[in-house]
């Protein structure tokens, strides 16, 4: 787990509130004040410019607001094989009141990916899609690509996961290395996920998975099989169909052509 021992949380709060009180008081000012206070708490040189990263889940849905406040905001969208992503969620929530149904997961995954691809098509220079599998199997290559996107210099320390300058223990099973990036969970879903969940995910996200380079285990379903597979309340079914219609608009073709060109240049 990340270690925040000794971090001056009270000082961070005080500095944030002081900076915000001296600003016009907009939502953007609150975030800017927090970023400046965090830099101060972590020893940043006064007046220096440091990128501020906000990685709250679902930020892709809030990017238009961020762009109104900061026109140069960039989106880094980390995508993962949906079978592995669902397996990770299921492992964390299994047996709890907050257990995530596969039908809800598929709906949210489709909405998220469609939104990200739309941003990539509208502002390609301000968006970057990173595949989790590429990042953990070849971290240096992906981090160098990320640095180019952010116009920053690559440094070997980027290959050493840290929190507040301290080594960050990798999450996962007992077989992971104590510190560092591991690819041990890339294919874990094959042994841990129920086949019916795999089939449901592939039925509705299969085309997107092939677009992203994830081979299907159950194969592409026909239109009749596709509709027969829908489960859950009527509202959820309609929302899933609408999300998929948005996902499979031509914007995906534009993104595919760009990623194909990138792969050829790597």
C-alpha atoms as a PDB file:
ATOM      1  CA  UNK A   1       0.000   0.000   0.000  1.00  0.00           C
ATOM      2  CA  UNK A   2       1.199   3.596  -0.577  1.00  0.00           C
ATOM      3  CA  UNK A   3       2.825   5.155   2.466  1.00  0.00           C
ATOM      4  CA  UNK A   4       1.741   8.692   3.377  1.00  0.00           C
ATOM      5  CA  UNK A   5       3.487   8.677   6.769  1.00  0.00           C
ATOM      6  CA  UNK A   6       4.739  12.148   7.603  1.00  0.00           C
ATOM      7  CA  UNK A   7       2.830  13.953   4.843  1.00  0.00           C
ATOM      8  CA  UNK A   8       1.690  17.394   6.120  1.00  0.00           C
ATOM      9  CA  UNK A   9      -2.040  17.069   5.424  1.00  0.00           C
ATOM     10  CA  UNK A  10      -2.953  19.956   7.730  1.00  0.00           C
ATOM     11  CA  UNK A  11      -0.427  22.211   5.998  1.00  0.00           C
ATOM     12  CA  UNK A  12      -1.814  21.160   2.612  1.00  0.00           C
ATOM     13  CA  UNK A  13      -5.343  22.121   3.712  1.00  0.00           C
ATOM     14  CA  UNK A  14      -4.227  25.440   5.173  1.00  0.00           C
ATOM     15  CA  UNK A  15      -2.218  26.454   2.098  1.00  0.00           C
ATOM     16  CA  UNK A  16      -5.059  25.406  -0.228  1.00  0.00           C
ATOM     17  CA  UNK A  17      -7.665  27.439   1.641  1.00  0.00           C
ATOM     18  CA  UNK A  18      -5.376  30.479   1.795  1.00  0.00           C
ATOM     19  CA  UNK A  19      -4.654  30.378  -1.931  1.00  0.00           C
ATOM     20  CA  UNK A  20      -8.333  29.836  -2.741  1.00  0.00           C
ATOM     21  CA  UNK A  21      -9.411  32.732  -0.500  1.00  0.00           C
ATOM     22  CA  UNK A  22      -7.059  35.013  -2.445  1.00  0.00           C
ATOM     23  CA  UNK A  23      -8.476  33.882  -5.823  1.00  0.00           C
ATOM     24  CA  UNK A  24     -11.708  34.821  -7.654  1.00  0.00           C
ATOM     25  CA  UNK A  25     -13.250  31.700  -6.102  1.00  0.00           C
ATOM     26  CA  UNK A  26     -14.204  29.669  -9.179  1.00  0.00           C
ATOM     27  CA  UNK A  27     -14.102  25.828  -9.247  1.00  0.00           C
ATOM     28  CA  UNK A  28     -10.997  26.074 -11.440  1.00  0.00           C
ATOM     29  CA  UNK A  29      -9.330  28.252  -8.785  1.00  0.00           C
ATOM     30  CA  UNK A  30      -9.947  25.595  -6.133  1.00  0.00           C
ATOM     31  CA  UNK A  31      -8.126  22.963  -8.196  1.00  0.00           C
ATOM     32  CA  UNK A  32      -5.302  25.375  -9.049  1.00  0.00           C
ATOM     33  CA  UNK A  33      -4.957  26.280  -5.359  1.00  0.00           C
ATOM     34  CA  UNK A  34      -4.783  22.624  -4.382  1.00  0.00           C
ATOM     35  CA  UNK A  35      -2.114  21.943  -7.028  1.00  0.00           C
ATOM     36  CA  UNK A  36       0.000  24.865  -5.854  1.00  0.00           C
ATOM     37  CA  UNK A  37      -0.367  23.824  -2.206  1.00  0.00           C
ATOM     38  CA  UNK A  38       0.595  20.250  -2.996  1.00  0.00           C
ATOM     39  CA  UNK A  39       3.695  21.452  -4.827  1.00  0.00           C
ATOM     40  CA  UNK A  40       4.609  23.562  -1.823  1.00  0.00           C
ATOM     41  CA  UNK A  41       4.065  20.630   0.561  1.00  0.00           C
ATOM     42  CA  UNK A  42       6.273  18.359  -1.530  1.00  0.00           C
ATOM     43  CA  UNK A  43       9.156  20.790  -1.867  1.00  0.00           C
ATOM     44  CA  UNK A  44       8.602  22.362  -5.267  1.00  0.00           C
ATOM     45  CA  UNK A  45      10.662  25.439  -6.033  1.00  0.00           C
ATOM     46  CA  UNK A  46       8.491  28.571  -5.549  1.00  0.00           C
ATOM     47  CA  UNK A  47       7.347  29.887  -8.919  1.00  0.00           C
ATOM     48  CA  UNK A  48       8.323  26.736 -10.797  1.00  0.00           C
ATOM     49  CA  UNK A  49       5.887  25.270 -13.309  1.00  0.00           C
ATOM     50  CA  UNK A  50       4.991  21.632 -12.715  1.00  0.00           C
ATOM     51  CA  UNK A  51       2.305  19.631 -14.535  1.00  0.00           C
ATOM     52  CA  UNK A  52      -0.733  18.874 -12.389  1.00  0.00           C
ATOM     53  CA  UNK A  53      -2.314  15.445 -12.903  1.00  0.00           C
ATOM     54  CA  UNK A  54      -5.905  14.699 -11.871  1.00  0.00           C
ATOM     55  CA  UNK A  55      -6.693  10.989 -12.158  1.00  0.00           C
ATOM     56  CA  UNK A  56     -10.119  10.628 -10.569  1.00  0.00           C
ATOM     57  CA  UNK A  57     -12.002   7.852 -12.428  1.00  0.00           C
ATOM     58  CA  UNK A  58     -14.436   9.076 -15.112  1.00  0.00           C
ATOM     59  CA  UNK A  59     -12.542  12.295 -15.833  1.00  0.00           C
ATOM     60  CA  UNK A  60     -13.090  11.611 -19.539  1.00  0.00           C
ATOM     61  CA  UNK A  61     -16.709  12.647 -18.928  1.00  0.00           C
ATOM     62  CA  UNK A  62     -15.558  15.946 -17.395  1.00  0.00           C
ATOM     63  CA  UNK A  63     -12.971  16.951 -19.984  1.00  0.00           C
ATOM     64  CA  UNK A  64     -15.156  19.558 -21.681  1.00  0.00           C
ATOM     65  CA  UNK A  65     -15.423  21.434 -18.372  1.00  0.00           C
ATOM     66  CA  UNK A  66     -11.651  21.177 -17.847  1.00  0.00           C
ATOM     67  CA  UNK A  67     -11.035  22.519 -21.351  1.00  0.00           C
ATOM     68  CA  UNK A  68     -13.220  25.549 -20.598  1.00  0.00           C
ATOM     69  CA  UNK A  69     -11.010  26.338 -17.614  1.00  0.00           C
ATOM     70  CA  UNK A  70      -7.685  25.235 -19.090  1.00  0.00           C
ATOM     71  CA  UNK A  71      -7.853  25.064 -22.938  1.00  0.00           C
ATOM     72  CA  UNK A  72      -4.573  23.153 -23.153  1.00  0.00           C
ATOM     73  CA  UNK A  73      -5.681  20.317 -20.867  1.00  0.00           C
ATOM     74  CA  UNK A  74      -4.549  16.923 -22.122  1.00  0.00           C
ATOM     75  CA  UNK A  75      -6.281  13.585 -21.751  1.00  0.00           C
ATOM     76  CA  UNK A  76      -4.293  10.408 -21.149  1.00  0.00           C
ATOM     77  CA  UNK A  77      -6.749   7.541 -21.430  1.00  0.00           C
ATOM     78  CA  UNK A  78      -5.565   4.219 -20.007  1.00  0.00           C
ATOM     79  CA  UNK A  79      -7.506   1.331 -21.539  1.00  0.00           C
ATOM     80  CA  UNK A  80      -7.423  -2.312 -20.453  1.00  0.00           C
ATOM     81  CA  UNK A  81      -8.794  -5.560 -21.822  1.00  0.00           C
ATOM     82  CA  UNK A  82     -12.395  -5.363 -20.518  1.00  0.00           C
ATOM     83  CA  UNK A  83     -12.287  -9.002 -19.382  1.00  0.00           C
ATOM     84  CA  UNK A  84      -9.252  -8.251 -17.208  1.00  0.00           C
ATOM     85  CA  UNK A  85     -10.750  -4.966 -16.015  1.00  0.00           C
ATOM     86  CA  UNK A  86     -13.983  -6.661 -14.960  1.00  0.00           C
ATOM     87  CA  UNK A  87     -12.055  -9.490 -13.310  1.00  0.00           C
ATOM     88  CA  UNK A  88     -10.163  -6.914 -11.237  1.00  0.00           C
ATOM     89  CA  UNK A  89     -13.396  -5.204 -10.171  1.00  0.00           C
ATOM     90  CA  UNK A  90     -15.096  -8.523  -9.427  1.00  0.00           C
ATOM     91  CA  UNK A  91     -12.206  -9.723  -7.267  1.00  0.00           C
ATOM     92  CA  UNK A  92     -12.429  -6.582  -5.133  1.00  0.00           C
ATOM     93  CA  UNK A  93     -16.222  -6.560  -4.705  1.00  0.00           C
ATOM     94  CA  UNK A  94     -17.151 -10.255  -4.763  1.00  0.00           C
ATOM     95  CA  UNK A  95     -19.362 -11.163  -1.781  1.00  0.00           C
ATOM     96  CA  UNK A  96     -20.014  -7.524  -0.839  1.00  0.00           C
ATOM     97  CA  UNK A  97     -23.111  -5.362  -1.104  1.00  0.00           C
ATOM     98  CA  UNK A  98     -21.238  -3.311  -3.723  1.00  0.00           C
ATOM     99  CA  UNK A  99     -20.618  -6.275  -6.063  1.00  0.00           C
ATOM    100  CA  UNK A 100     -20.469  -5.049  -9.662  1.00  0.00           C
ATOM    101  CA  UNK A 101     -22.790  -6.843 -12.145  1.00  0.00           C
ATOM    102  CA  UNK A 102     -21.172  -7.602 -15.496  1.00  0.00           C
ATOM    103  CA  UNK A 103     -24.085  -5.875 -17.268  1.00  0.00           C
ATOM    104  CA  UNK A 104     -23.389  -2.594 -15.448  1.00  0.00           C
ATOM    105  CA  UNK A 105     -19.669  -2.913 -16.122  1.00  0.00           C
ATOM    106  CA  UNK A 106     -20.195  -3.374 -19.874  1.00  0.00           C
ATOM    107  CA  UNK A 107     -22.467  -0.311 -20.020  1.00  0.00           C
ATOM    108  CA  UNK A 108     -19.936   1.903 -18.245  1.00  0.00           C
ATOM    109  CA  UNK A 109     -16.968   0.568 -20.236  1.00  0.00           C
ATOM    110  CA  UNK A 110     -18.779   1.301 -23.515  1.00  0.00           C
ATOM    111  CA  UNK A 111     -19.703   4.827 -22.420  1.00  0.00           C
ATOM    112  CA  UNK A 112     -16.184   5.565 -21.213  1.00  0.00           C
ATOM    113  CA  UNK A 113     -14.445   4.260 -24.321  1.00  0.00           C
ATOM    114  CA  UNK A 114     -16.873   6.042 -26.659  1.00  0.00           C
ATOM    115  CA  UNK A 115     -16.286   9.331 -24.831  1.00  0.00           C
ATOM    116  CA  UNK A 116     -12.503   8.935 -24.925  1.00  0.00           C
ATOM    117  CA  UNK A 117     -12.444   8.068 -28.631  1.00  0.00           C
ATOM    118  CA  UNK A 118     -14.612  11.079 -29.387  1.00  0.00           C
ATOM    119  CA  UNK A 119     -12.129  13.328 -27.588  1.00  0.00           C
ATOM    120  CA  UNK A 120      -9.284  11.718 -29.555  1.00  0.00           C
ATOM    121  CA  UNK A 121     -11.074  12.409 -32.840  1.00  0.00           C
ATOM    122  CA  UNK A 122     -11.921  16.013 -31.932  1.00  0.00           C
ATOM    123  CA  UNK A 123      -8.543  17.026 -30.459  1.00  0.00           C
ATOM    124  CA  UNK A 124      -5.968  14.393 -31.466  1.00  0.00           C
ATOM    125  CA  UNK A 125      -3.025  16.514 -30.348  1.00  0.00           C
ATOM    126  CA  UNK A 126      -4.399  16.758 -26.817  1.00  0.00           C
ATOM    127  CA  UNK A 127      -5.347  13.108 -26.268  1.00  0.00           C
ATOM    128  CA  UNK A 128      -3.318   9.930 -25.911  1.00  0.00           C
ATOM    129  CA  UNK A 129      -4.585   6.354 -25.522  1.00  0.00           C
ATOM    130  CA  UNK A 130      -2.308   4.035 -23.549  1.00  0.00           C
ATOM    131  CA  UNK A 131      -2.971   0.310 -23.298  1.00  0.00           C
ATOM    132  CA  UNK A 132      -2.420  -1.173 -19.860  1.00  0.00           C
ATOM    133  CA  UNK A 133      -0.915  -4.293 -21.413  1.00  0.00           C
ATOM    134  CA  UNK A 134       1.651  -2.286 -23.384  1.00  0.00           C
ATOM    135  CA  UNK A 135       2.512  -0.246 -20.307  1.00  0.00           C
ATOM    136  CA  UNK A 136       3.265  -3.235 -18.064  1.00  0.00           C
ATOM    137  CA  UNK A 137       5.014  -5.370 -20.702  1.00  0.00           C
ATOM    138  CA  UNK A 138       7.175  -2.603 -22.200  1.00  0.00           C
ATOM    139  CA  UNK A 139       7.040   0.284 -19.726  1.00  0.00           C
ATOM    140  CA  UNK A 140      10.029   2.204 -21.036  1.00  0.00           C
ATOM    141  CA  UNK A 141       8.725   2.391 -24.603  1.00  0.00           C
ATOM    142  CA  UNK A 142       5.281   3.514 -23.444  1.00  0.00           C
ATOM    143  CA  UNK A 143       6.660   6.034 -20.971  1.00  0.00           C
ATOM    144  CA  UNK A 144       8.935   7.508 -23.628  1.00  0.00           C
ATOM    145  CA  UNK A 145       5.880   7.890 -25.875  1.00  0.00           C
ATOM    146  CA  UNK A 146       4.033   9.503 -22.984  1.00  0.00           C
ATOM    147  CA  UNK A 147       6.895  11.932 -22.405  1.00  0.00           C
ATOM    148  CA  UNK A 148       6.858  12.946 -26.064  1.00  0.00           C
ATOM    149  CA  UNK A 149       3.124  13.586 -25.806  1.00  0.00           C
ATOM    150  CA  UNK A 150       3.658  15.786 -22.722  1.00  0.00           C
ATOM    151  CA  UNK A 151       6.716  17.525 -24.215  1.00  0.00           C
ATOM    152  CA  UNK A 152       8.858  16.488 -21.275  1.00  0.00           C
ATOM    153  CA  UNK A 153      12.204  14.758 -21.008  1.00  0.00           C
ATOM    154  CA  UNK A 154      12.273  11.049 -20.178  1.00  0.00           C
ATOM    155  CA  UNK A 155      14.094  10.113 -16.969  1.00  0.00           C
ATOM    156  CA  UNK A 156      14.922   6.557 -15.766  1.00  0.00           C
ATOM    157  CA  UNK A 157      13.230   7.310 -12.437  1.00  0.00           C
ATOM    158  CA  UNK A 158       9.898   7.088 -14.271  1.00  0.00           C
ATOM    159  CA  UNK A 159      10.392   3.312 -14.344  1.00  0.00           C
ATOM    160  CA  UNK A 160      10.405   3.175 -10.534  1.00  0.00           C
ATOM    161  CA  UNK A 161       6.850   3.467  -9.096  1.00  0.00           C
ATOM    162  CA  UNK A 162       6.789   5.880  -6.151  1.00  0.00           C
ATOM    163  CA  UNK A 163       4.387   7.739  -3.896  1.00  0.00           C
ATOM    164  CA  UNK A 164       5.763  11.010  -2.548  1.00  0.00           C
ATOM    165  CA  UNK A 165       9.248   9.898  -3.547  1.00  0.00           C
ATOM    166  CA  UNK A 166       9.012   6.553  -1.771  1.00  0.00           C
ATOM    167  CA  UNK A 167       8.930   3.132  -3.493  1.00  0.00           C
ATOM    168  CA  UNK A 168       5.355   2.010  -4.115  1.00  0.00           C
ATOM    169  CA  UNK A 169       4.680  -1.703  -3.577  1.00  0.00           C
ATOM    170  CA  UNK A 170       2.978  -3.227  -6.612  1.00  0.00           C
ATOM    171  CA  UNK A 171      -0.621  -4.347  -6.202  1.00  0.00           C
ATOM    172  CA  UNK A 172      -1.784  -7.807  -7.195  1.00  0.00           C
ATOM    173  CA  UNK A 173      -1.276 -11.397  -6.168  1.00  0.00           C
ATOM    174  CA  UNK A 174       1.466 -12.921  -4.056  1.00  0.00           C
ATOM    175  CA  UNK A 175       3.649 -13.563  -7.112  1.00  0.00           C
ATOM    176  CA  UNK A 176       4.293  -9.902  -7.915  1.00  0.00           C
ATOM    177  CA  UNK A 177       7.686  -8.335  -7.402  1.00  0.00           C
ATOM    178  CA  UNK A 178       8.035  -6.275  -4.198  1.00  0.00           C
ATOM    179  CA  UNK A 179       8.512  -3.018  -6.088  1.00  0.00           C
ATOM    180  CA  UNK A 180       8.112  -2.172  -9.723  1.00  0.00           C
ATOM    181  CA  UNK A 181       5.881  -2.833 -12.703  1.00  0.00           C
ATOM    182  CA  UNK A 182       4.545  -6.342 -13.206  1.00  0.00           C
ATOM    183  CA  UNK A 183       2.674  -8.011 -16.070  1.00  0.00           C
ATOM    184  CA  UNK A 184       1.590 -10.995 -13.969  1.00  0.00           C
ATOM    185  CA  UNK A 185      -2.101 -10.060 -14.051  1.00  0.00           C
ATOM    186  CA  UNK A 186      -2.485  -9.496 -17.785  1.00  0.00           C
ATOM    187  CA  UNK A 187      -4.054 -12.898 -18.490  1.00  0.00           C
ATOM    188  CA  UNK A 188      -5.364 -13.787 -15.033  1.00  0.00           C
ATOM    189  CA  UNK A 189      -8.978 -13.391 -16.182  1.00  0.00           C
ATOM    190  CA  UNK A 190      -8.654 -16.630 -18.219  1.00  0.00           C
ATOM    191  CA  UNK A 191      -8.529 -18.722 -15.031  1.00  0.00           C
ATOM    192  CA  UNK A 192     -10.578 -16.538 -12.713  1.00  0.00           C
ATOM    193  CA  UNK A 193     -13.529 -15.221 -14.719  1.00  0.00           C
ATOM    194  CA  UNK A 194     -16.746 -17.179 -15.281  1.00  0.00           C
ATOM    195  CA  UNK A 195     -17.224 -18.178 -18.906  1.00  0.00           C
ATOM    196  CA  UNK A 196     -20.686 -16.631 -19.045  1.00  0.00           C
ATOM    197  CA  UNK A 197     -19.191 -13.292 -17.998  1.00  0.00           C
ATOM    198  CA  UNK A 198     -16.515 -13.577 -20.690  1.00  0.00           C
ATOM    199  CA  UNK A 199     -19.195 -14.298 -23.285  1.00  0.00           C
ATOM    200  CA  UNK A 200     -21.333 -11.369 -22.165  1.00  0.00           C
ATOM    201  CA  UNK A 201     -18.408  -8.932 -22.302  1.00  0.00           C
ATOM    202  CA  UNK A 202     -17.333 -10.158 -25.736  1.00  0.00           C
ATOM    203  CA  UNK A 203     -20.896 -10.089 -27.089  1.00  0.00           C
ATOM    204  CA  UNK A 204     -21.196  -6.336 -26.588  1.00  0.00           C
ATOM    205  CA  UNK A 205     -17.601  -5.115 -26.572  1.00  0.00           C
ATOM    206  CA  UNK A 206     -16.160  -7.584 -29.088  1.00  0.00           C
ATOM    207  CA  UNK A 207     -15.838  -5.117 -31.968  1.00  0.00           C
ATOM    208  CA  UNK A 208     -14.105  -2.574 -29.732  1.00  0.00           C
ATOM    209  CA  UNK A 209     -11.835  -5.292 -28.366  1.00  0.00           C
ATOM    210  CA  UNK A 210     -10.730  -6.273 -31.865  1.00  0.00           C
ATOM    211  CA  UNK A 211     -10.197  -2.583 -32.648  1.00  0.00           C
ATOM    212  CA  UNK A 212      -7.946  -2.349 -29.596  1.00  0.00           C
ATOM    213  CA  UNK A 213      -6.092  -5.576 -30.423  1.00  0.00           C
ATOM    214  CA  UNK A 214      -7.651  -7.957 -27.873  1.00  0.00           C
ATOM    215  CA  UNK A 215      -8.372 -11.408 -29.415  1.00  0.00           C
ATOM    216  CA  UNK A 216     -11.797 -12.846 -28.628  1.00  0.00           C
ATOM    217  CA  UNK A 217     -12.147 -16.140 -26.781  1.00  0.00           C
ATOM    218  CA  UNK A 218     -15.784 -16.849 -27.715  1.00  0.00           C
ATOM    219  CA  UNK A 219     -15.941 -15.312 -31.189  1.00  0.00           C
ATOM    220  CA  UNK A 220     -18.175 -12.634 -32.712  1.00  0.00           C
ATOM    221  CA  UNK A 221     -21.914 -13.158 -32.239  1.00  0.00           C
ATOM    222  CA  UNK A 222     -24.568 -12.751 -34.918  1.00  0.00           C
ATOM    223  CA  UNK A 223     -27.163  -9.966 -34.623  1.00  0.00           C
ATOM    224  CA  UNK A 224     -29.727 -12.450 -33.325  1.00  0.00           C
ATOM    225  CA  UNK A 225     -27.327 -13.838 -30.722  1.00  0.00           C
ATOM    226  CA  UNK A 226     -26.314 -10.297 -29.812  1.00  0.00           C
ATOM    227  CA  UNK A 227     -29.867  -9.255 -28.930  1.00  0.00           C
ATOM    228  CA  UNK A 228     -30.655 -12.551 -27.222  1.00  0.00           C
ATOM    229  CA  UNK A 229     -27.674 -12.073 -24.909  1.00  0.00           C
ATOM    230  CA  UNK A 230     -28.997  -8.811 -23.407  1.00  0.00           C
ATOM    231  CA  UNK A 231     -29.816  -9.186 -19.718  1.00  0.00           C
ATOM    232  CA  UNK A 232     -31.031  -7.040 -16.869  1.00  0.00           C
ATOM    233  CA  UNK A 233     -33.845  -4.485 -16.493  1.00  0.00           C
ATOM    234  CA  UNK A 234     -35.350  -2.980 -19.637  1.00  0.00           C
ATOM    235  CA  UNK A 235     -33.809   0.434 -18.888  1.00  0.00           C
ATOM    236  CA  UNK A 236     -30.345  -1.099 -18.568  1.00  0.00           C
ATOM    237  CA  UNK A 237     -30.809  -2.941 -21.869  1.00  0.00           C
ATOM    238  CA  UNK A 238     -31.784   0.238 -23.722  1.00  0.00           C
ATOM    239  CA  UNK A 239     -28.936   2.201 -22.156  1.00  0.00           C
ATOM    240  CA  UNK A 240     -26.488  -0.524 -23.207  1.00  0.00           C
ATOM    241  CA  UNK A 241     -27.736  -0.446 -26.801  1.00  0.00           C
ATOM    242  CA  UNK A 242     -27.466   3.365 -26.902  1.00  0.00           C
ATOM    243  CA  UNK A 243     -23.955   3.251 -25.474  1.00  0.00           C
ATOM    244  CA  UNK A 244     -22.876   0.697 -28.070  1.00  0.00           C
ATOM    245  CA  UNK A 245     -24.411   2.753 -30.879  1.00  0.00           C
ATOM    246  CA  UNK A 246     -22.306   5.691 -29.709  1.00  0.00           C
ATOM    247  CA  UNK A 247     -19.194   3.525 -29.367  1.00  0.00           C
ATOM    248  CA  UNK A 248     -19.383   2.090 -32.862  1.00  0.00           C
ATOM    249  CA  UNK A 249     -19.866   5.354 -34.727  1.00  0.00           C
ATOM    250  CA  UNK A 250     -17.230   6.185 -37.421  1.00  0.00           C
ATOM    251  CA  UNK A 251     -15.116   8.000 -34.814  1.00  0.00           C
ATOM    252  CA  UNK A 252     -13.637   4.603 -33.961  1.00  0.00           C
ATOM    253  CA  UNK A 253     -12.438   4.150 -37.530  1.00  0.00           C
ATOM    254  CA  UNK A 254     -10.585   7.480 -37.373  1.00  0.00           C
ATOM    255  CA  UNK A 255      -8.867   6.459 -34.143  1.00  0.00           C
ATOM    256  CA  UNK A 256      -7.979   3.027 -35.547  1.00  0.00           C
ATOM    257  CA  UNK A 257      -6.234   4.566 -38.556  1.00  0.00           C
ATOM    258  CA  UNK A 258      -4.176   6.796 -36.286  1.00  0.00           C
ATOM    259  CA  UNK A 259      -3.137   3.988 -33.954  1.00  0.00           C
ATOM    260  CA  UNK A 260      -2.245   1.784 -36.909  1.00  0.00           C
ATOM    261  CA  UNK A 261       0.102   4.481 -38.136  1.00  0.00           C
ATOM    262  CA  UNK A 262       1.646   4.795 -34.683  1.00  0.00           C
ATOM    263  CA  UNK A 263       2.266   1.052 -34.389  1.00  0.00           C
ATOM    264  CA  UNK A 264       3.974   1.093 -37.750  1.00  0.00           C
ATOM    265  CA  UNK A 265       6.327   3.814 -36.542  1.00  0.00           C
ATOM    266  CA  UNK A 266       7.302   2.182 -33.249  1.00  0.00           C
END
